[in-house]
Amino acid sequence: MRVDVDPFGALSNWKEGDVDPCSWFGVLCSDDGRVVALNLKDLCLKGKLAPELGKLIRMKSLNLYNNSFSGIIPREIGELQKLEVLDLGHNDLDEPLPPELGSISSLEILVLRNDKFVRDTSPEIHKLNLISEIQVDEQQLSSSRKQVTRNVENAAIRRLLRAHEQAPNGKHLTWLILGSIGGASLLLVVFAMYFLCYRASKVVTVMPWRTGLSGQLQKAFVTGVPLLRRSELEVACEGFSNIVGSLSDCTLYKGTLSSGIEIAVTSTMVTLANDWLEQYEAHFRKKISSLSKINHKNFMNLLGYCEEEEPFTRMLVFEYAPNGTLFEHLHIKEAEQLDWAARLRIAMGIVYCLGYMHQLSPPVVLRNLNSSSIYLTEDYAAKISDLGFSDLKKEHESASDGLDQESIVYKFGIILLEIISGRLPFSQDDDLLVLWASGYLSGKRSLEDMVDPTLRSVREEVVSALCEVIRSCINPEPKERPTMTEVASQMRLITAMPPDEATPKLSPLWWAELEILYS
């Protein structure tokens, strides 16, 4: 590949002179040193696909999902006769598909961006035994959902989950031709194929679901944002008695599925259909559409939604992060205190997620970003959340103007200042945190005295570098602030922490329930 833009520095250890690429980020090799998988998804890379990819003849999985690669798909990819997964979804590649892809008899999963490739697909590719062609139009958020779900479930997912029942020579090709919805369905396929392909030297059995979910909930793996039944959520949330919090406009419930998997459910406080204006409904659906585009390990990803008229119900279902909020761990004495390493990891998770959201096209802006909206996972990784229903007219509208992005940068600067100092964003004694810190940030007072006194082993040069980032983020001239992508790059240089170290080690997502058995 020819990468022109690497905003997060993910490929910083790719050295041209290296004889052995197996240590490179995103590269997986076999025991004999041959490249069998290349996983560079969600990195916002820009560049071209090089013909040299065809030389990686042992490649089984090529995953470039959610980048900005452009140009043609090189015909040399047709030489990858062991390729089983080809994921080019959400890039800017040109049509048509090269007919050479039709010669890859091993290909099982082909993920494209949308249906523009279908119009000019060559006859050679259609000769492959096609299970299902799925086209998802984000404008049809609910009207086509049931039909799409039924088609996908009957095709790709059942095949993956019951692969051990298939004859070894019964190869099929599943096309997932996605619009901009994306999400859990794609990740399930890639996750499952990771085990099926990368561990080819072992006998692998993928067991059926043991989550105890109903058929409707199981479809979440396919559509990404399923329409759920109130009755199911009521059982999961113990009759909606398991209230764990509330916002100004909604109630937050914790739900537990029969498998033990935990979910977060938010419900609007509007209880009458007459009080739910038509514009609220439009923006509610827009929020679902916007959240469905976010697929990041440091985000509390949307798992489903519920809308029923009797009783009136509007609910959103998210991943659950069990360790409370960043605000609680920084400012409430009874909460477990965070050491310096944990705080840096949390900050990096936040900045990588915000950088990712800035790179989406169009970008997604969270207006309610603060330490109370940052939840922590079991291993204290950051999960940015947007659980509420407030201000539906404005929340999650795509940011076409720079002011929204500049505001996010400013808010991140405040969160970073909060992480370092351990002080409240506002207090009666010190007023606004940014005003309290101005003397330290300007050099008039020692930075050492700005650091939370409960912290130990804090390197002064790291604090100094982070304060430079804060100064740039809270610059009073919005146009002079860096972008979130630039902030992420700066902080990676300071902390030397790549994205994978800032993500949760134990994923709460439902497809973690796939049981993989080895023999």
Protein backbone atom coordinates (compact mmCIF):
# COMPACT_ATOMS: atom_id res chain seq x y z
CA MET A 1 0.00 0.00 0.00
CA ARG A 2 1.00 3.59 -0.51
CA VAL A 3 -0.11 5.57 2.51
CA ASP A 4 -0.01 9.34 2.13
CA VAL A 5 -1.75 10.30 5.39
CA ASP A 6 -1.47 8.45 8.70
CA PRO A 7 -3.14 10.83 11.20
CA PHE A 8 -2.62 8.65 14.28
CA GLY A 9 0.88 7.45 13.42
CA ALA A 10 -0.36 3.87 13.45
CA LEU A 11 2.23 2.80 10.87
CA SER A 12 5.14 4.53 12.57
CA ASN A 13 6.96 1.22 13.03
CA TRP A 14 6.68 0.33 9.34
CA LYS A 15 10.29 0.77 8.24
CA GLU A 16 11.20 0.42 4.59
CA GLY A 17 14.45 -1.34 5.36
CA ASP A 18 12.96 -3.96 7.67
CA VAL A 19 13.53 -7.50 6.47
CA ASP A 20 10.82 -8.88 8.75
CA PRO A 21 7.42 -7.10 8.61
CA CYS A 22 5.84 -9.45 11.15
CA SER A 23 6.44 -6.96 13.96
CA TRP A 24 4.66 -4.15 12.11
CA PHE A 25 1.38 -2.80 13.44
CA GLY A 26 -1.61 -4.61 11.95
CA VAL A 27 0.42 -7.45 10.41
CA LEU A 28 -0.14 -11.07 11.42
CA CYS A 29 2.25 -13.78 10.27
CA SER A 30 2.29 -17.55 10.26
CA ASP A 31 4.91 -19.54 12.14
CA ASP A 32 7.15 -19.56 9.07
CA GLY A 33 7.07 -15.76 8.77
CA ARG A 34 4.54 -15.42 5.94
CA VAL A 35 1.96 -12.62 6.13
CA VAL A 36 -1.49 -14.17 6.57
CA ALA A 37 -3.51 -11.14 7.69
CA LEU A 38 -3.40 -7.37 7.39
CA ASN A 39 -5.77 -5.49 9.70
CA LEU A 40 -5.68 -1.70 9.32
CA LYS A 41 -9.30 -0.86 10.00
CA ASP A 42 -10.50 2.39 11.60
CA LEU A 43 -7.19 4.25 11.16
CA CYS A 44 -8.35 7.03 8.79
CA LEU A 45 -5.49 6.25 6.42
CA LYS A 46 -5.34 7.92 3.01
CA GLY A 47 -3.53 6.52 0.02
CA LYS A 48 -3.68 3.95 -2.77
CA LEU A 49 -3.80 0.18 -2.89
CA ALA A 50 -0.55 -1.00 -4.48
CA PRO A 51 -0.31 -3.87 -6.96
CA GLU A 52 2.38 -5.36 -4.71
CA LEU A 53 -0.39 -6.61 -2.43
CA GLY A 54 -0.71 -9.47 -4.88
CA LYS A 55 2.68 -10.78 -3.77
CA LEU A 56 1.34 -11.70 -0.33
CA ILE A 57 0.17 -15.04 -1.65
CA ARG A 58 -0.44 -16.55 1.81
CA MET A 59 -2.82 -13.76 2.80
CA LYS A 60 -6.13 -14.96 4.24
CA SER A 61 -7.63 -11.72 5.51
CA LEU A 62 -7.26 -8.14 4.25
CA ASN A 63 -9.21 -5.67 6.39
CA LEU A 64 -9.05 -1.99 5.38
CA TYR A 65 -12.49 -1.04 6.71
CA ASN A 66 -13.20 2.63 7.48
CA ASN A 67 -10.22 4.41 5.92
CA SER A 68 -9.94 6.79 2.98
CA PHE A 69 -8.12 4.71 0.38
CA SER A 70 -8.89 5.90 -3.15
CA GLY A 71 -8.17 4.90 -6.72
CA ILE A 72 -8.72 1.50 -8.27
CA ILE A 73 -8.67 -1.90 -6.65
CA PRO A 74 -5.55 -3.48 -8.20
CA ARG A 75 -6.21 -6.55 -10.30
CA GLU A 76 -3.21 -8.20 -8.64
CA ILE A 77 -5.38 -8.90 -5.59
CA GLY A 78 -6.80 -11.70 -7.72
CA GLU A 79 -3.49 -13.52 -7.17
CA LEU A 80 -4.30 -13.99 -3.48
CA GLN A 81 -5.70 -17.47 -3.92
CA LYS A 82 -5.91 -18.13 -0.17
CA LEU A 83 -7.85 -14.95 0.59
CA GLU A 84 -11.04 -15.59 2.56
CA VAL A 85 -11.93 -12.12 3.88
CA LEU A 86 -11.66 -8.92 1.82
CA ASP A 87 -13.05 -5.90 3.66
CA LEU A 88 -12.86 -2.64 1.71
CA GLY A 89 -15.93 -1.08 3.30
CA HIS A 90 -16.12 2.67 3.87
CA ASN A 91 -13.29 3.77 1.60
CA ASP A 92 -13.31 5.89 -1.55
CA LEU A 93 -12.25 3.27 -4.06
CA ASP A 94 -13.24 3.54 -7.71
CA GLU A 95 -15.46 1.13 -9.59
CA PRO A 96 -15.59 -1.33 -11.18
CA LEU A 97 -14.35 -4.38 -9.30
CA PRO A 98 -11.49 -6.09 -11.15
CA PRO A 99 -12.74 -9.33 -12.74
CA GLU A 100 -9.67 -11.11 -11.33
CA LEU A 101 -11.44 -11.24 -7.96
CA GLY A 102 -13.68 -13.87 -9.50
CA SER A 103 -10.77 -16.30 -9.60
CA ILE A 104 -10.39 -16.36 -5.81
CA SER A 105 -12.36 -19.50 -5.06
CA SER A 106 -11.49 -19.30 -1.35
CA LEU A 107 -13.15 -15.88 -0.90
CA GLU A 108 -16.00 -16.04 1.60
CA ILE A 109 -16.56 -12.49 2.84
CA LEU A 110 -16.47 -9.50 0.51
CA VAL A 111 -17.39 -6.16 2.09
CA LEU A 112 -17.83 -3.11 -0.10
CA ARG A 113 -18.92 0.42 0.59
CA ASN A 114 -22.24 0.53 -1.22
CA ASP A 115 -23.98 -0.69 -4.32
CA LYS A 116 -21.99 1.37 -6.82
CA PHE A 117 -19.78 -1.66 -7.46
CA VAL A 118 -22.74 -3.90 -8.17
CA ARG A 119 -23.74 -2.11 -11.34
CA ASP A 120 -20.54 -3.02 -13.15
CA THR A 121 -19.62 -6.27 -11.45
CA SER A 122 -17.99 -8.67 -13.86
CA PRO A 123 -19.55 -12.03 -14.78
CA GLU A 124 -16.51 -13.79 -13.32
CA ILE A 125 -17.41 -12.62 -9.83
CA HIS A 126 -21.03 -13.67 -10.24
CA LYS A 127 -19.82 -17.19 -10.99
CA LEU A 128 -18.78 -17.48 -7.36
CA ASN A 129 -21.46 -19.19 -5.30
CA LEU A 130 -23.20 -16.14 -3.90
CA ILE A 131 -25.30 -16.59 -0.78
CA SER A 132 -26.70 -13.12 -0.37
CA GLU A 133 -26.50 -9.62 -1.69
CA ILE A 134 -27.48 -7.07 0.95
CA GLN A 135 -27.92 -3.38 0.25
CA VAL A 136 -28.54 -1.15 3.25
CA ASP A 137 -29.80 2.38 2.65
CA GLU A 138 -29.33 4.60 5.70
CA GLN A 139 -32.38 6.63 4.68
CA GLN A 140 -34.57 3.57 5.26
CA LEU A 141 -33.81 3.39 8.95
CA SER A 142 -36.84 1.38 9.90
CA SER A 143 -38.96 0.60 6.87
CA SER A 144 -36.64 -2.01 5.39
CA ARG A 145 -35.07 -3.21 8.62
CA LYS A 146 -37.06 -6.42 9.02
CA GLN A 147 -36.47 -7.58 5.47
CA VAL A 148 -32.76 -6.77 5.56
CA THR A 149 -32.38 -8.51 8.90
CA ARG A 150 -34.14 -11.62 7.67
CA ASN A 151 -31.99 -11.85 4.55
CA VAL A 152 -28.71 -11.38 6.37
CA GLU A 153 -29.55 -13.70 9.22
CA ASN A 154 -30.50 -16.49 6.85
CA ALA A 155 -27.29 -16.07 4.88
CA ALA A 156 -24.01 -14.88 6.34
CA ILE A 157 -24.54 -15.15 10.07
CA ARG A 158 -26.01 -18.64 10.15
CA ARG A 159 -23.20 -19.82 7.97
CA LEU A 160 -20.57 -18.37 10.27
CA LEU A 161 -22.14 -19.64 13.47
CA ARG A 162 -22.63 -23.14 12.13
CA ALA A 163 -19.51 -23.39 10.05
CA HIS A 164 -18.61 -26.71 11.64
CA GLU A 165 -21.74 -28.25 10.11
CA GLN A 166 -20.64 -27.33 6.59
CA ALA A 167 -18.57 -29.61 4.40
CA PRO A 168 -15.02 -28.27 3.98
CA ASN A 169 -15.44 -27.90 0.24
CA GLY A 170 -18.76 -26.10 0.52
CA LYS A 171 -17.32 -22.62 0.01
CA HIS A 172 -19.67 -19.72 -0.52
CA LEU A 173 -19.21 -16.04 -0.99
CA THR A 174 -21.19 -13.65 1.17
CA TRP A 175 -21.35 -10.09 -0.07
CA LEU A 176 -22.09 -7.43 2.46
CA ILE A 177 -22.65 -4.30 0.41
CA LEU A 178 -23.04 -1.64 3.03
CA GLY A 179 -24.13 1.95 2.99
CA SER A 180 -22.95 4.16 5.80
CA ILE A 181 -24.73 2.32 8.59
CA GLY A 182 -21.94 -0.19 9.40
CA GLY A 183 -21.51 -1.26 12.99
CA ALA A 184 -22.00 -4.48 14.88
CA SER A 185 -22.84 -6.72 11.92
CA LEU A 186 -19.56 -6.00 10.19
CA LEU A 187 -17.51 -6.43 13.32
CA LEU A 188 -19.17 -9.74 14.07
CA VAL A 189 -18.22 -11.07 10.66
CA VAL A 190 -14.63 -9.89 10.97
CA PHE A 191 -14.36 -11.18 14.54
CA ALA A 192 -15.68 -14.59 13.63
CA MET A 193 -13.52 -14.86 10.55
CA TYR A 194 -10.48 -13.88 12.61
CA PHE A 195 -10.80 -17.14 14.50
CA LEU A 196 -11.84 -19.15 11.47
CA CYS A 197 -9.00 -17.92 9.27
CA TYR A 198 -6.06 -16.97 11.44
CA ARG A 199 -6.12 -20.21 13.41
CA ALA A 200 -6.41 -22.43 10.37
CA SER A 201 -3.79 -24.80 11.73
CA LYS A 202 -6.24 -25.89 14.48
CA VAL A 203 -9.65 -27.46 14.33
CA VAL A 204 -12.07 -24.72 15.30
CA THR A 205 -15.69 -25.15 16.27
CA VAL A 206 -17.93 -22.11 16.56
CA MET A 207 -20.74 -22.91 18.96
CA PRO A 208 -24.24 -21.45 18.66
CA TRP A 209 -25.21 -18.42 20.72
CA ARG A 210 -25.43 -18.91 24.47
CA THR A 211 -26.58 -15.41 25.30
CA GLY A 212 -30.19 -16.34 25.95
CA LEU A 213 -31.29 -13.59 23.57
CA SER A 214 -34.51 -13.77 21.67
CA GLY A 215 -34.44 -13.87 17.90
CA GLN A 216 -35.07 -10.13 17.75
CA LEU A 217 -32.11 -9.29 19.96
CA GLN A 218 -29.88 -11.72 18.11
CA LYS A 219 -30.48 -9.73 14.95
CA ALA A 220 -28.44 -6.95 16.51
CA PHE A 221 -25.39 -8.71 15.20
CA VAL A 222 -26.67 -8.31 11.69
CA THR A 223 -28.19 -4.88 11.42
CA GLY A 224 -26.07 -3.08 13.98
CA VAL A 225 -29.00 -1.06 15.31
CA PRO A 226 -32.00 -3.35 15.77
CA LEU A 227 -35.49 -2.35 16.76
CA LEU A 228 -36.01 -4.04 20.13
CA ARG A 229 -39.19 -4.88 22.03
CA ARG A 230 -40.04 -3.10 25.25
CA SER A 231 -40.99 -6.42 26.83
CA GLU A 232 -37.47 -7.77 26.30
CA LEU A 233 -35.86 -4.71 27.80
CA GLU A 234 -38.31 -4.79 30.70
CA VAL A 235 -37.19 -8.31 31.60
CA ALA A 236 -33.51 -7.40 31.21
CA CYS A 237 -33.94 -4.33 33.46
CA GLU A 238 -35.96 -6.17 36.13
CA GLY A 239 -39.22 -4.46 35.35
CA PHE A 240 -37.39 -1.15 34.91
CA SER A 241 -36.63 -1.15 38.62
CA ASN A 242 -32.87 -1.29 38.16
CA ILE A 243 -32.31 2.47 37.91
CA VAL A 244 -28.63 3.42 38.04
CA GLY A 245 -28.88 7.11 37.25
CA SER A 246 -30.77 9.91 35.60
CA LEU A 247 -30.05 12.86 33.38
CA SER A 248 -32.13 15.98 32.93
CA ASP A 249 -34.19 14.33 30.23
CA CYS A 250 -33.95 10.58 30.70
CA THR A 251 -33.64 7.69 33.12
CA LEU A 252 -30.69 5.29 32.94
CA TYR A 253 -31.25 1.59 33.62
CA LYS A 254 -28.84 -1.28 33.89
CA GLY A 255 -29.97 -4.42 32.15
CA THR A 256 -28.66 -7.96 32.40
CA LEU A 257 -29.34 -10.57 29.77
CA SER A 258 -29.80 -14.21 30.72
CA SER A 259 -26.19 -14.87 29.76
CA GLY A 260 -24.94 -12.28 32.23
CA ILE A 261 -24.08 -9.71 29.57
CA GLU A 262 -24.82 -6.20 30.82
CA ILE A 263 -26.41 -3.37 28.84
CA ALA A 264 -27.27 0.27 29.53
CA VAL A 265 -30.78 1.44 28.62
CA THR A 266 -31.85 5.08 28.54
CA SER A 267 -35.51 6.07 28.39
CA THR A 268 -36.95 9.48 27.69
CA MET A 269 -39.01 10.99 30.49
CA VAL A 270 -41.76 11.80 27.99
CA THR A 271 -44.58 9.37 28.76
CA LEU A 272 -47.36 10.62 26.47
CA ALA A 273 -47.33 10.47 22.68
CA ASN A 274 -48.97 13.90 22.51
CA ASP A 275 -45.96 15.42 24.28
CA TRP A 276 -43.54 13.86 21.80
CA LEU A 277 -43.49 16.35 18.96
CA GLU A 278 -42.93 15.31 15.38
CA GLN A 279 -39.63 17.17 15.31
CA TYR A 280 -38.49 15.20 18.37
CA GLU A 281 -39.17 11.97 16.51
CA ALA A 282 -37.24 13.18 13.47
CA HIS A 283 -34.24 14.12 15.57
CA PHE A 284 -34.50 10.91 17.58
CA ARG A 285 -34.13 8.94 14.37
CA LYS A 286 -31.35 11.22 13.22
CA LYS A 287 -29.52 10.56 16.46
CA ILE A 288 -29.85 6.80 15.94
CA SER A 289 -28.51 7.16 12.41
CA SER A 290 -25.61 9.30 13.60
CA LEU A 291 -24.68 7.05 16.52
CA SER A 292 -24.83 4.00 14.28
CA LYS A 293 -21.92 5.39 12.27
CA ILE A 294 -19.68 5.42 15.34
CA ASN A 295 -17.85 2.16 15.80
CA HIS A 296 -14.95 2.62 18.19
CA LYS A 297 -13.73 0.64 21.17
CA ASN A 298 -13.50 3.81 23.27
CA PHE A 299 -17.14 4.73 22.62
CA MET A 300 -20.25 3.36 24.32
CA ASN A 301 -21.57 2.01 21.06
CA LEU A 302 -25.28 1.93 20.28
CA LEU A 303 -26.67 -1.61 20.32
CA GLY A 304 -30.34 -0.98 19.64
CA TYR A 305 -33.39 1.18 20.17
CA CYS A 306 -37.03 0.77 21.14
CA GLU A 307 -40.04 2.73 19.94
CA GLU A 308 -43.57 1.73 20.89
CA GLU A 309 -46.77 3.73 21.16
CA GLU A 310 -48.58 1.83 23.93
CA PRO A 311 -47.20 2.46 26.43
CA PHE A 312 -45.30 5.31 24.82
CA THR A 313 -41.64 4.31 24.68
CA ARG A 314 -38.47 5.78 23.23
CA MET A 315 -35.35 4.02 24.44
CA LEU A 316 -31.73 3.62 23.41
CA VAL A 317 -29.62 0.58 24.28
CA PHE A 318 -25.86 0.87 24.69
CA GLU A 319 -22.88 -1.13 25.83
CA TYR A 320 -22.44 -1.03 29.58
CA ALA A 321 -19.28 0.21 31.31
CA PRO A 322 -19.32 -1.00 34.93
CA ASN A 323 -16.80 1.28 36.64
CA GLY A 324 -18.69 4.55 36.73
CA THR A 325 -17.56 7.85 35.26
CA LEU A 326 -14.25 9.64 35.06
CA PHE A 327 -15.79 12.45 37.10
CA GLU A 328 -16.53 10.08 39.98
CA HIS A 329 -13.01 8.66 40.08
CA LEU A 330 -11.41 12.10 39.97
CA HIS A 331 -13.63 13.94 42.44
CA ILE A 332 -15.47 11.55 44.76
CA LYS A 333 -13.38 10.27 47.65
CA GLU A 334 -15.31 7.02 47.98
CA ALA A 335 -14.48 6.03 44.38
CA GLU A 336 -11.27 4.22 43.55
CA GLN A 337 -8.53 6.73 42.84
CA LEU A 338 -6.77 6.63 39.48
CA ASP A 339 -2.99 6.52 39.32
CA TRP A 340 -0.99 8.42 36.71
CA ALA A 341 -0.70 5.52 34.26
CA ALA A 342 -4.45 4.92 34.38
CA ARG A 343 -5.17 8.60 33.79
CA LEU A 344 -2.87 8.74 30.77
CA ARG A 345 -4.53 5.64 29.31
CA ILE A 346 -7.96 7.19 29.80
CA ALA A 347 -6.85 10.45 28.17
CA MET A 348 -5.45 8.57 25.18
CA GLY A 349 -8.64 6.55 24.75
CA ILE A 350 -10.63 9.78 24.71
CA VAL A 351 -8.39 11.55 22.23
CA TYR A 352 -8.20 8.58 19.85
CA CYS A 353 -11.98 8.23 19.84
CA LEU A 354 -12.54 11.96 19.27
CA GLY A 355 -9.94 11.93 16.50
CA TYR A 356 -11.76 9.03 14.88
CA MET A 357 -15.10 10.85 15.09
CA HIS A 358 -13.52 13.95 13.56
CA GLN A 359 -12.36 11.83 10.60
CA LEU A 360 -15.83 10.49 9.85
CA SER A 361 -17.49 11.90 6.76
CA PRO A 362 -19.32 13.95 7.79
CA PRO A 363 -17.80 14.31 11.27
CA VAL A 364 -19.92 13.51 14.31
CA VAL A 365 -19.88 16.04 17.14
CA LEU A 366 -20.86 15.31 20.74
CA ARG A 367 -22.01 18.51 22.36
CA ASN A 368 -22.19 17.17 25.91
CA LEU A 369 -18.55 16.19 26.33
CA ASN A 370 -17.22 16.31 29.88
CA SER A 371 -15.76 14.02 32.54
CA SER A 372 -19.27 12.90 33.53
CA SER A 373 -19.86 11.57 30.01
CA ILE A 374 -16.69 9.44 30.09
CA TYR A 375 -17.46 5.99 31.48
CA LEU A 376 -14.84 3.44 32.51
CA THR A 377 -14.75 -0.25 31.63
CA GLU A 378 -13.79 -3.13 33.88
CA ASP A 379 -10.11 -2.50 33.15
CA TYR A 380 -10.51 1.29 33.37
CA ALA A 381 -10.41 2.11 29.68
CA ALA A 382 -12.33 5.21 28.60
CA LYS A 383 -15.74 4.96 26.94
CA ILE A 384 -17.15 8.23 25.62
CA SER A 385 -20.92 8.22 25.96
CA ASP A 386 -23.91 10.10 24.68
CA LEU A 387 -26.84 8.60 26.52
CA GLY A 388 -29.34 11.43 26.77
CA PHE A 389 -32.21 12.79 24.73
CA SER A 390 -31.70 16.47 25.50
CA ASP A 391 -31.67 19.09 22.78
CA LEU A 392 -32.62 16.65 20.04
CA LYS A 393 -32.62 19.49 17.53
CA LYS A 394 -28.88 19.96 17.88
CA GLU A 395 -27.32 16.81 19.23
CA HIS A 396 -25.34 14.78 16.75
CA GLU A 397 -26.00 16.92 13.74
CA SER A 398 -23.12 16.46 11.38
CA ALA A 399 -20.58 19.20 11.81
CA SER A 400 -20.16 21.13 8.61
CA ASP A 401 -18.89 24.22 10.38
CA GLY A 402 -15.54 24.44 12.09
CA LEU A 403 -16.92 25.94 15.29
CA ASP A 404 -18.30 22.60 16.50
CA GLN A 405 -14.97 20.87 16.04
CA GLU A 406 -13.13 23.72 17.74
CA SER A 407 -15.53 23.49 20.66
CA ILE A 408 -14.79 19.77 21.04
CA VAL A 409 -11.06 20.52 21.08
CA TYR A 410 -11.62 23.09 23.83
CA LYS A 411 -13.68 20.65 25.89
CA PHE A 412 -11.01 17.99 25.56
CA GLY A 413 -8.44 20.48 26.82
CA ILE A 414 -10.57 21.03 29.93
CA ILE A 415 -10.91 17.26 30.49
CA LEU A 416 -7.14 16.84 30.16
CA LEU A 417 -6.60 19.65 32.66
CA GLU A 418 -9.07 17.95 35.00
CA ILE A 419 -7.20 14.63 34.67
CA ILE A 420 -3.84 16.22 35.53
CA SER A 421 -4.98 18.47 38.35
CA GLY A 422 -7.73 16.34 39.87
CA ARG A 423 -9.78 19.50 40.32
CA LEU A 424 -13.40 20.17 39.48
CA PRO A 425 -14.19 22.00 36.23
CA PHE A 426 -15.87 24.58 38.42
CA SER A 427 -15.93 25.19 42.17
CA GLN A 428 -17.07 28.01 44.42
CA ASP A 429 -13.55 28.41 45.79
CA ASP A 430 -11.52 28.33 42.58
CA ASP A 431 -14.12 29.41 40.01
CA LEU A 432 -13.57 27.94 36.53
CA LEU A 433 -10.75 25.41 36.34
CA VAL A 434 -9.32 27.07 33.25
CA LEU A 435 -9.00 30.35 35.15
CA TRP A 436 -7.42 28.67 38.18
CA ALA A 437 -4.87 26.97 35.93
CA SER A 438 -3.98 30.06 33.88
CA GLY A 439 -1.07 30.99 36.13
CA TYR A 440 0.45 27.52 35.81
CA LEU A 441 -0.11 27.29 32.07
CA SER A 442 1.43 30.72 31.47
CA GLY A 443 4.59 29.82 33.38
CA LYS A 444 4.00 32.21 36.28
CA ARG A 445 3.63 29.32 38.71
CA SER A 446 5.31 25.92 38.90
CA LEU A 447 3.58 23.15 36.96
CA GLU A 448 4.55 20.77 39.74
CA ASP A 449 2.06 22.50 42.02
CA MET A 450 -0.73 22.08 39.45
CA VAL A 451 -0.53 18.28 39.47
CA ASP A 452 -2.97 16.34 41.66
CA PRO A 453 -1.07 15.87 44.95
CA THR A 454 -2.34 12.29 45.28
CA LEU A 455 -0.33 11.24 42.23
CA ARG A 456 3.10 9.65 42.39
CA SER A 457 5.80 9.04 39.77
CA VAL A 458 4.70 11.84 37.48
CA ARG A 459 7.42 12.92 35.07
CA GLU A 460 7.74 16.67 34.87
CA GLU A 461 8.62 16.67 31.17
CA VAL A 462 5.44 14.72 30.35
CA VAL A 463 3.28 17.14 32.33
CA SER A 464 4.98 20.07 30.62
CA ALA A 465 4.32 18.58 27.17
CA LEU A 466 0.68 17.83 28.03
CA CYS A 467 0.23 21.39 29.25
CA GLU A 468 1.43 22.59 25.85
CA VAL A 469 -1.39 20.51 24.36
CA ILE A 470 -3.86 22.04 26.82
CA ARG A 471 -2.71 25.56 25.95
CA SER A 472 -3.29 24.92 22.26
CA CYS A 473 -6.71 23.33 22.90
CA ILE A 474 -8.04 26.22 25.00
CA ASN A 475 -6.61 28.95 22.80
CA PRO A 476 -9.07 31.88 23.03
CA GLU A 477 -8.95 32.13 19.23
CA PRO A 478 -10.94 29.09 18.04
CA LYS A 479 -9.42 29.14 14.56
CA GLU A 480 -5.95 28.74 16.06
CA ARG A 481 -6.79 25.55 17.93
CA PRO A 482 -5.50 22.27 16.48
CA THR A 483 -7.84 19.62 15.11
CA MET A 484 -8.58 16.54 17.20
CA THR A 485 -6.50 14.51 14.76
CA GLU A 486 -3.54 16.77 15.39
CA VAL A 487 -4.09 16.61 19.14
CA ALA A 488 -4.13 12.79 18.97
CA SER A 489 -0.84 12.78 17.08
CA GLN A 490 0.76 15.17 19.57
CA MET A 491 -0.34 13.13 22.55
CA ARG A 492 0.83 9.88 21.01
CA LEU A 493 4.30 11.37 20.65
CA ILE A 494 4.22 12.44 24.30
CA THR A 495 2.90 9.21 25.81
CA ALA A 496 4.19 6.68 23.25
CA MET A 497 0.84 4.90 23.70
CA PRO A 498 -0.68 3.42 20.51
CA PRO A 499 -4.46 3.09 20.10
CA ASP A 500 -4.63 -0.60 20.98
CA GLU A 501 -3.15 0.04 24.44
CA ALA A 502 -5.88 2.57 25.22
CA THR A 503 -8.78 0.27 24.31
CA PRO A 504 -10.59 -2.15 26.66
CA LYS A 505 -8.86 -5.48 26.99
CA LEU A 506 -12.14 -7.25 27.64
CA SER A 507 -14.73 -6.21 25.09
CA PRO A 508 -18.30 -5.91 26.44
CA LEU A 509 -19.72 -6.44 22.97
CA TRP A 510 -22.08 -9.29 22.42
CA TRP A 511 -20.03 -11.16 19.89
CA ALA A 512 -17.54 -11.89 22.67
CA GLU A 513 -20.07 -14.59 23.52
CA LEU A 514 -18.89 -16.66 20.57
CA GLU A 515 -17.31 -19.68 22.20
CA ILE A 516 -14.22 -20.89 20.39
CA LEU A 517 -13.13 -24.45 21.11
CA TYR A 518 -9.75 -25.89 20.09
CA SER A 519 -8.70 -29.47 19.76
